[in-house]
Amino acid sequence: MVENVIYPAYFDIELTRSEGRRVPKDLAVEEPTVDELAKAVQQVGYDATIERDMTYSREYEPRGRVLVNRSDDSSKNDLVQAVAAYIGILRG
C-alpha cells in the first residue's frame, strides 16, 4: 500500500515555492487546514488520516499533516493538484 503525506504548507498562498508551496498561486489558498485537506482528499476518492501534531520540515509551528492511503494509481504531484482544486471548490 502506498501512503502519501501532504502538508498544509503545500497549498499556502503566503509561502513561496522555496518555502514549501507546491501548487501555483492561482490554486493556493490562505491558511489551509488539515481538516480541509482531509475533506478534499476524500472528495478525490482516497482515504485520509489526519495527524494534528506533526510539523512540516520547513516550518516551526505544527499545523498537522494528512496521510493519504490507497493512492497507488497516481503520482504525488497529481494528488496535490487534485486536492488543491477541491480546496478551492470547498471554499467556494
Protein backbone atom coordinates (compact mmCIF):
# COMPACT_ATOMS: atom_id res chain seq x y z
CA MET A 1 0.00 0.00 0.00
CA VAL A 2 1.38 3.40 -0.98
CA GLU A 3 0.89 6.15 1.53
CA ASN A 4 1.45 9.78 0.56
CA VAL A 5 1.84 12.62 3.04
CA ILE A 6 0.53 16.12 2.33
CA TYR A 7 1.04 19.21 4.45
CA PRO A 8 -0.97 22.46 4.58
CA ALA A 9 2.17 24.35 3.52
CA TYR A 10 1.85 22.81 0.03
CA PHE A 11 -1.30 24.91 -0.51
CA ASP A 12 -0.49 28.12 1.44
CA ILE A 13 -0.58 31.22 -0.76
CA GLU A 14 1.62 33.12 1.73
CA LEU A 15 4.58 30.78 1.09
CA THR A 16 6.96 30.77 -1.85
CA ARG A 17 7.92 27.63 -3.74
CA SER A 18 11.24 27.52 -1.87
CA GLU A 19 9.36 27.76 1.44
CA GLY A 20 7.30 24.68 0.60
CA ARG A 21 4.32 25.64 -1.59
CA ARG A 22 3.78 23.01 -4.30
CA VAL A 23 0.83 24.44 -6.21
CA PRO A 24 0.57 27.53 -8.42
CA LYS A 25 -0.67 30.70 -6.72
CA ASP A 26 -3.99 30.50 -8.55
CA LEU A 27 -4.71 27.18 -6.76
CA ALA A 28 -3.23 28.19 -3.40
CA VAL A 29 -5.40 29.45 -0.51
CA GLU A 30 -4.90 31.43 2.70
CA GLU A 31 -4.25 29.38 5.82
CA PRO A 32 -5.26 25.88 4.67
CA THR A 33 -6.16 23.44 7.45
CA VAL A 34 -5.71 19.69 7.76
CA ASP A 35 -9.49 19.33 8.00
CA GLU A 36 -9.90 20.98 4.59
CA LEU A 37 -7.13 18.81 3.17
CA ALA A 38 -8.70 15.62 4.52
CA LYS A 39 -12.11 16.57 3.12
CA ALA A 40 -10.59 17.34 -0.28
CA VAL A 41 -8.65 14.05 -0.28
CA GLN A 42 -11.88 12.17 0.42
CA GLN A 43 -13.63 14.06 -2.41
CA VAL A 44 -10.84 12.97 -4.76
CA GLY A 45 -11.59 9.38 -3.73
CA TYR A 46 -8.87 8.35 -1.28
CA ASP A 47 -8.81 7.54 2.43
CA ALA A 48 -7.35 10.27 4.63
CA THR A 49 -5.88 10.13 8.12
CA ILE A 50 -5.19 13.37 10.00
CA GLU A 51 -2.13 13.71 12.23
CA ARG A 52 -2.54 17.05 14.02
CA ASP A 53 0.72 17.27 15.98
CA MET A 54 3.12 16.91 13.04
CA THR A 55 5.28 19.74 11.69
CA TYR A 56 6.42 20.26 8.12
CA SER A 57 10.22 20.26 7.97
CA ARG A 58 10.35 23.82 6.59
CA GLU A 59 8.11 25.27 9.31
CA TYR A 60 8.38 25.76 13.07
CA GLU A 61 4.75 25.64 14.16
CA PRO A 62 2.88 22.32 13.95
CA ARG A 63 -0.09 22.55 11.54
CA GLY A 64 -0.51 18.81 11.12
CA ARG A 65 -0.46 16.62 8.05
CA VAL A 66 -2.74 14.26 6.15
CA LEU A 67 -1.79 10.70 5.27
CA VAL A 68 -3.35 9.60 2.00
CA ASN A 69 -3.94 5.85 1.74
CA ARG A 70 -4.52 3.73 -1.35
CA SER A 71 -3.08 6.28 -3.78
CA ASP A 72 -1.22 3.70 -5.90
CA ASP A 73 -2.71 4.86 -9.19
CA SER A 74 -1.50 8.48 -9.16
CA SER A 75 1.71 10.39 -8.57
CA LYS A 76 2.07 12.68 -5.57
CA ASN A 77 2.05 15.74 -7.84
CA ASP A 78 -1.25 14.66 -9.44
CA LEU A 79 -2.72 14.09 -5.98
CA VAL A 80 -1.58 17.52 -4.73
CA GLN A 81 -3.00 19.26 -7.81
CA ALA A 82 -6.37 17.49 -7.45
CA VAL A 83 -6.57 18.31 -3.73
CA ALA A 84 -5.74 21.96 -4.47
CA ALA A 85 -8.59 22.15 -6.98
CA TYR A 86 -11.06 20.70 -4.46
CA ILE A 87 -9.93 23.05 -1.68
CA GLY A 88 -10.82 25.94 -3.98
CA ILE A 89 -14.23 24.40 -4.61
CA LEU A 90 -14.80 23.76 -0.87
CA ARG A 91 -14.02 27.37 -0.06
CA GLY A 92 -16.37 28.42 -2.83
